[in-house]
Protein backbone atom coordinates (compact mmCIF):
# COMPACT_ATOMS: atom_id res chain seq x y z
CA UNK A 1 16.93 0.75 67.30
CA UNK A 2 19.05 1.58 64.33
CA UNK A 3 18.66 4.74 62.30
CA UNK A 4 20.80 3.12 59.59
CA UNK A 5 19.25 -0.24 58.78
CA UNK A 6 20.50 -2.61 56.09
CA UNK A 7 18.41 -5.64 55.09
CA UNK A 8 19.25 -8.57 52.83
CA UNK A 9 16.82 -11.14 51.48
CA UNK A 10 13.96 -8.63 51.62
CA UNK A 11 12.48 -9.76 48.30
CA UNK A 12 12.49 -13.42 49.34
CA UNK A 13 9.74 -15.40 51.04
CA UNK A 14 10.58 -14.62 54.68
CA UNK A 15 12.11 -11.24 53.93
CA UNK A 16 8.97 -9.89 52.28
CA UNK A 17 6.87 -10.94 55.28
CA UNK A 18 9.36 -9.32 57.65
CA UNK A 19 9.18 -6.04 55.72
CA UNK A 20 5.38 -6.17 55.82
CA UNK A 21 5.46 -6.58 59.59
CA UNK A 22 8.08 -3.84 59.94
CA UNK A 23 5.88 -1.45 57.94
CA UNK A 24 2.93 -2.24 60.20
CA UNK A 25 4.87 -1.95 63.46
CA UNK A 26 7.11 0.98 62.53
CA UNK A 27 5.70 2.89 59.55
CA UNK A 28 8.07 4.97 57.46
CA UNK A 29 11.16 3.16 58.74
CA UNK A 30 14.16 4.03 56.60
CA UNK A 31 16.21 1.08 55.34
CA UNK A 32 18.67 0.10 52.63
CA UNK A 33 17.84 -3.13 50.82
CA UNK A 34 20.50 -5.25 49.14
CA UNK A 35 19.06 -6.87 46.01
CA UNK A 36 20.30 -8.79 43.03
CA UNK A 37 19.88 -7.19 39.58
CA UNK A 38 16.82 -9.27 38.69
CA UNK A 39 15.13 -9.29 42.11
CA UNK A 40 11.41 -8.52 42.00
CA UNK A 41 10.88 -5.50 44.26
CA UNK A 42 7.15 -5.25 43.53
CA UNK A 43 5.96 -6.68 46.90
CA UNK A 44 7.98 -4.03 48.73
CA UNK A 45 6.92 -1.02 46.71
CA UNK A 46 3.45 -0.72 48.27
CA UNK A 47 4.75 -0.85 51.86
CA UNK A 48 4.84 2.23 54.09
CA UNK A 49 8.64 2.12 54.35
CA UNK A 50 11.34 4.48 53.11
CA UNK A 51 13.46 2.05 51.14
CA UNK A 52 16.50 2.57 48.99
CA UNK A 53 18.07 -0.22 46.98
CA UNK A 54 21.64 -1.30 46.40
CA UNK A 55 22.43 -3.90 43.76
CA UNK A 56 25.07 -6.45 44.64
CA UNK A 57 25.97 -9.99 45.62
CA UNK A 58 25.97 -10.76 49.33
CA UNK A 59 28.40 -13.63 48.82
CA UNK A 60 31.12 -11.14 47.81
CA UNK A 61 33.10 -9.19 50.41
CA UNK A 62 33.46 -6.32 47.95
CA UNK A 63 29.69 -5.76 48.01
CA UNK A 64 29.70 -5.57 51.80
CA UNK A 65 32.74 -3.30 51.87
CA UNK A 66 30.97 -0.85 49.59
CA UNK A 67 27.69 -0.98 51.51
CA UNK A 68 29.31 -0.53 54.92
CA UNK A 69 31.43 2.37 53.71
CA UNK A 70 28.54 4.11 51.94
CA UNK A 71 25.77 3.58 54.48
CA UNK A 72 27.54 2.91 57.80
CA UNK A 73 24.66 0.74 59.07
CA UNK A 74 24.00 0.42 62.77
CA UNK A 75 22.04 -2.79 62.24
CA UNK A 76 22.28 -5.41 59.51
CA UNK A 77 19.41 -7.89 59.23
CA UNK A 78 20.72 -10.72 57.08
CA UNK A 79 17.83 -12.90 55.94
CA UNK A 80 19.58 -14.13 52.81
CA UNK A 81 21.79 -17.23 52.92
CA UNK A 82 23.87 -17.69 56.06
CA UNK A 83 26.66 -18.79 53.71
CA UNK A 84 27.18 -15.08 52.94
CA UNK A 85 28.17 -14.33 56.54
CA UNK A 86 31.92 -15.00 56.08
CA UNK A 87 32.01 -12.36 53.33
CA UNK A 88 30.14 -9.93 55.60
CA UNK A 89 32.50 -10.54 58.51
CA UNK A 90 35.55 -10.18 56.25
CA UNK A 91 34.30 -6.79 55.13
CA UNK A 92 33.59 -5.69 58.70
CA UNK A 93 37.18 -6.43 59.64
CA UNK A 94 38.23 -3.62 57.28
CA UNK A 95 36.02 -1.02 58.97
CA UNK A 96 35.83 0.46 62.46
CA UNK A 97 32.05 -0.03 62.61
CA UNK A 98 30.61 -2.96 64.52
CA UNK A 99 26.91 -2.89 63.54
CA UNK A 100 24.50 -5.18 65.30
CA UNK A 101 23.95 -8.33 63.23
CA UNK A 102 20.69 -10.27 63.11
CA UNK A 103 21.31 -13.39 61.04
CA UNK A 104 18.83 -16.03 59.92
CA UNK A 105 20.53 -19.43 59.92
CA UNK A 106 19.08 -22.94 60.04
CA UNK A 107 18.60 -25.89 62.38
CA UNK A 108 20.25 -27.84 59.56
CA UNK A 109 23.42 -27.14 61.54
CA UNK A 110 22.41 -30.06 63.79
CA UNK A 111 22.19 -32.62 60.97
CA UNK A 112 24.54 -35.57 60.91
CA UNK A 113 23.93 -36.12 57.18
CA UNK A 114 23.72 -32.65 55.67
CA UNK A 115 26.90 -32.10 53.69
CA UNK A 116 26.68 -28.42 54.60
CA UNK A 117 26.26 -28.97 58.35
CA UNK A 118 30.00 -28.72 58.96
CA UNK A 119 30.02 -25.49 56.95
CA UNK A 120 27.15 -24.10 58.99
CA UNK A 121 29.02 -24.90 62.20
CA UNK A 122 32.11 -23.10 60.93
CA UNK A 123 30.07 -20.04 59.98
CA UNK A 124 28.36 -19.99 63.38
CA UNK A 125 31.77 -20.16 65.05
CA UNK A 126 32.93 -17.16 63.01
CA UNK A 127 29.80 -15.25 63.95
CA UNK A 128 30.33 -16.08 67.64
CA UNK A 129 33.79 -14.46 67.41
CA UNK A 130 32.36 -11.21 66.03
CA UNK A 131 33.18 -8.36 68.39
CA UNK A 132 29.86 -6.59 67.92
CA UNK A 133 26.38 -7.50 69.11
CA UNK A 134 24.77 -10.32 67.17
CA UNK A 135 21.67 -12.49 67.24
CA UNK A 136 21.39 -15.78 65.34
CA UNK A 137 17.92 -17.16 64.56
CA UNK A 138 17.75 -20.82 63.49
CA UNK A 139 14.39 -21.74 61.93
CA UNK A 140 13.31 -25.27 61.18
CA UNK A 141 11.61 -26.08 57.85
CA UNK A 142 9.79 -22.92 56.77
CA UNK A 143 6.29 -23.05 55.27
CA UNK A 144 3.29 -20.81 54.84
CA UNK A 145 2.44 -19.97 51.24
CA UNK A 146 2.95 -20.88 47.59
CA UNK A 147 6.42 -19.35 47.87
CA UNK A 148 7.67 -22.00 50.27
CA UNK A 149 9.68 -24.78 48.65
CA UNK A 150 8.81 -27.45 51.17
CA UNK A 151 5.31 -28.19 52.38
CA UNK A 152 3.53 -26.39 49.54
CA UNK A 153 4.98 -28.80 47.00
CA UNK A 154 4.06 -31.69 49.28
CA UNK A 155 0.48 -30.44 49.56
CA UNK A 156 0.20 -30.00 45.78
CA UNK A 157 1.49 -33.53 45.17
CA UNK A 158 -0.94 -35.03 47.70
CA UNK A 159 -3.81 -32.99 46.28
CA UNK A 160 -3.11 -34.23 42.77
CA UNK A 161 -2.03 -37.85 43.27
CA UNK A 162 -3.70 -38.76 46.61
CA UNK A 163 -0.48 -40.48 47.72
CA UNK A 164 3.11 -39.79 48.67
CA UNK A 165 6.23 -41.97 48.95
CA UNK A 166 7.50 -42.66 52.46
CA UNK A 167 11.16 -43.66 52.68
CA UNK A 168 11.79 -45.91 55.67
CA UNK A 169 9.45 -45.90 58.64
CA UNK A 170 8.11 -42.37 58.27
CA UNK A 171 8.27 -42.02 62.07
CA UNK A 172 10.92 -39.30 62.20
CA UNK A 173 9.71 -36.07 63.79
CA UNK A 174 9.17 -32.69 62.13
CA UNK A 175 8.38 -29.26 63.60
CA UNK A 176 7.92 -26.83 60.68
CA UNK A 177 7.74 -23.11 61.45
CA UNK A 178 5.34 -20.74 59.71
CA UNK A 179 7.09 -17.94 57.81
CA UNK A 180 4.92 -15.28 59.47
CA UNK A 181 6.02 -16.50 62.91
CA UNK A 182 9.65 -16.41 61.81
CA UNK A 183 9.22 -12.89 60.41
CA UNK A 184 7.70 -11.76 63.70
CA UNK A 185 10.67 -13.19 65.60
CA UNK A 186 13.08 -11.27 63.36
CA UNK A 187 11.12 -8.08 64.00
CA UNK A 188 11.15 -8.65 67.77
CA UNK A 189 14.90 -9.31 67.71
CA UNK A 190 15.33 -6.01 65.86
CA UNK A 191 13.16 -4.17 68.37
CA UNK A 192 15.07 -5.61 71.34
CA UNK A 193 18.74 -4.67 70.94
CA UNK A 194 19.53 -6.33 74.26
CA UNK A 195 18.75 -9.74 72.75
CA UNK A 196 21.93 -11.57 71.73
CA UNK A 197 22.99 -15.16 71.15
CA UNK A 198 21.43 -18.02 69.21
CA UNK A 199 17.78 -19.08 69.19
CA UNK A 200 16.12 -22.13 67.65
CA UNK A 201 12.75 -21.24 66.06
CA UNK A 202 10.49 -24.24 65.61
CA UNK A 203 6.78 -24.54 64.98
CA UNK A 204 3.92 -25.04 67.39
CA UNK A 205 3.43 -28.75 66.59
CA UNK A 206 5.63 -31.84 66.48
CA UNK A 207 4.50 -34.55 64.04
CA UNK A 208 5.94 -37.60 62.37
CA UNK A 209 6.06 -37.67 58.58
CA UNK A 210 3.16 -40.13 58.51
CA UNK A 211 1.18 -37.89 60.84
CA UNK A 212 1.93 -34.96 58.52
CA UNK A 213 0.45 -36.85 55.58
CA UNK A 214 -2.60 -37.75 57.66
CA UNK A 215 -3.05 -34.09 58.63
CA UNK A 216 -2.81 -32.96 55.01
CA UNK A 217 -5.33 -35.63 54.04
CA UNK A 218 -7.77 -34.36 56.66
CA UNK A 219 -7.34 -30.72 55.68
CA UNK A 220 -7.66 -31.47 51.96
CA UNK A 221 -10.62 -33.74 52.71
CA UNK A 222 -9.06 -36.24 50.32
CA UNK A 223 -7.37 -39.59 50.88
CA UNK A 224 -3.56 -39.46 50.92
CA UNK A 225 -2.04 -42.93 50.89
CA UNK A 226 1.52 -43.37 52.18
CA UNK A 227 3.55 -45.49 49.74
CA UNK A 228 6.26 -47.23 51.81
CA UNK A 229 9.65 -47.57 50.11
CA UNK A 230 12.63 -49.49 51.55
CA UNK A 231 15.23 -47.09 52.90
CA UNK A 232 18.43 -48.83 51.82
CA UNK A 233 17.30 -49.55 48.26
CA UNK A 234 15.90 -46.02 47.89
CA UNK A 235 19.16 -44.43 49.06
CA UNK A 236 21.18 -46.57 46.63
CA UNK A 237 18.84 -45.70 43.76
CA UNK A 238 19.01 -42.00 44.59
CA UNK A 239 22.81 -42.17 44.66
CA UNK A 240 22.83 -43.75 41.20
CA UNK A 241 20.50 -41.05 39.87
CA UNK A 242 22.80 -38.36 41.24
CA UNK A 243 25.75 -39.98 39.50
CA UNK A 244 23.90 -40.17 36.20
CA UNK A 245 21.96 -36.90 36.24
CA UNK A 246 23.94 -34.63 38.57
CA UNK A 247 21.91 -31.61 39.63
CA UNK A 248 19.03 -32.70 37.41
CA UNK A 249 18.36 -35.65 39.70
CA UNK A 250 14.83 -35.36 41.19
CA UNK A 251 16.04 -36.57 44.58
CA UNK A 252 19.37 -36.90 46.36
CA UNK A 253 20.63 -39.68 48.59
CA UNK A 254 21.24 -37.16 51.34
CA UNK A 255 17.61 -35.99 51.22
CA UNK A 256 16.39 -39.53 51.83
CA UNK A 257 18.80 -40.03 54.72
CA UNK A 258 17.86 -36.69 56.28
CA UNK A 259 14.22 -37.74 56.27
CA UNK A 260 15.18 -40.32 58.89
CA UNK A 261 16.38 -37.65 61.32
CA UNK A 262 14.21 -36.05 63.96
CA UNK A 263 13.94 -32.33 63.24
CA UNK A 264 12.08 -31.20 66.34
CA UNK A 265 13.75 -28.63 68.58
CA UNK A 266 12.51 -26.76 71.66
CA UNK A 267 12.07 -23.02 71.33
CA UNK A 268 11.91 -22.19 75.05
CA UNK A 269 14.68 -19.57 74.86
CA UNK A 270 12.95 -17.80 71.97
CA UNK A 271 9.66 -17.87 73.86
CA UNK A 272 11.38 -16.32 76.88
CA UNK A 273 13.37 -13.59 75.12
CA UNK A 274 11.37 -12.98 71.92
CA UNK A 275 7.82 -13.84 73.07
CA UNK A 276 7.93 -16.48 70.35
CA UNK A 277 4.60 -18.35 70.29
CA UNK A 278 4.28 -20.14 66.94
CA UNK A 279 0.95 -21.31 65.56
CA UNK A 280 0.00 -24.96 65.35
CA UNK A 281 0.81 -26.86 62.18
CA UNK A 282 -2.88 -27.57 61.59
CA UNK A 283 -3.70 -23.84 61.67
CA UNK A 284 -0.81 -22.95 59.39
CA UNK A 285 -1.54 -25.67 56.84
CA UNK A 286 -5.25 -24.91 56.84
CA UNK A 287 -4.49 -21.32 55.81
CA UNK A 288 -1.99 -22.49 53.18
CA UNK A 289 -4.48 -24.93 51.67
CA UNK A 290 -7.08 -22.17 51.57
CA UNK A 291 -4.61 -20.05 49.58
CA UNK A 292 -3.96 -22.97 47.25
CA UNK A 293 -7.65 -23.41 46.57
CA UNK A 294 -8.15 -19.68 46.07
């Protein structure tokens, strides 16, 4: 394992959990953390890690050029946006070092609707051409605490209004992954330098959207009524809202269309090489709801 470790995204949701697990598994690990000027470092300060901080923007090659020259990392764990990878690779082309790269991507690369899917595929192709060792981890929808932007908001809405709109049939499949399980997979990838290639990281349960609402209802011990909305009309209305409101629109046409896609992916390779054994959705949501109530 690397003596010179560089981590991005450490102050984010998944990154903080990874650092907590790193501190538990390998106390006093020395690492450089790339942060933005206003990043909240408080969750990291109490950890038993030897951290130094560099301020910069991971989307800019100049930031990476400076970091690589100053710190000469042997391993870079990039938990921040995968869209920063081209800047990282451009900087690495200017240096003789070929540090091991562990990159957190997304199963959104498989989407037929996501306007960024083509961009994700291009980035993955660039990463595959990297001459050094690299490991790409593709999580599904990430959940697990009030910091997640997906299921936590859904739970709060259901808890407050006892209902939720369902666009189309609501039969498309989901397989959310708990952030702690993702963080553990990142740690294992770091601890096993022989692990290379791409791995899909999905949760321990596959459910339809309607089944997800039923599960939340059971765990909240409150009724949650699905409100069916016609797909075509909803997509048209969302498109009009986007035109009128731009980024202020509460929902995008693409979001509605993506809800019709199955987002369940096997994680057999991750189980084999990373001992990846994610928790069930019921167990993960039960803990998240307990946090919400606390």
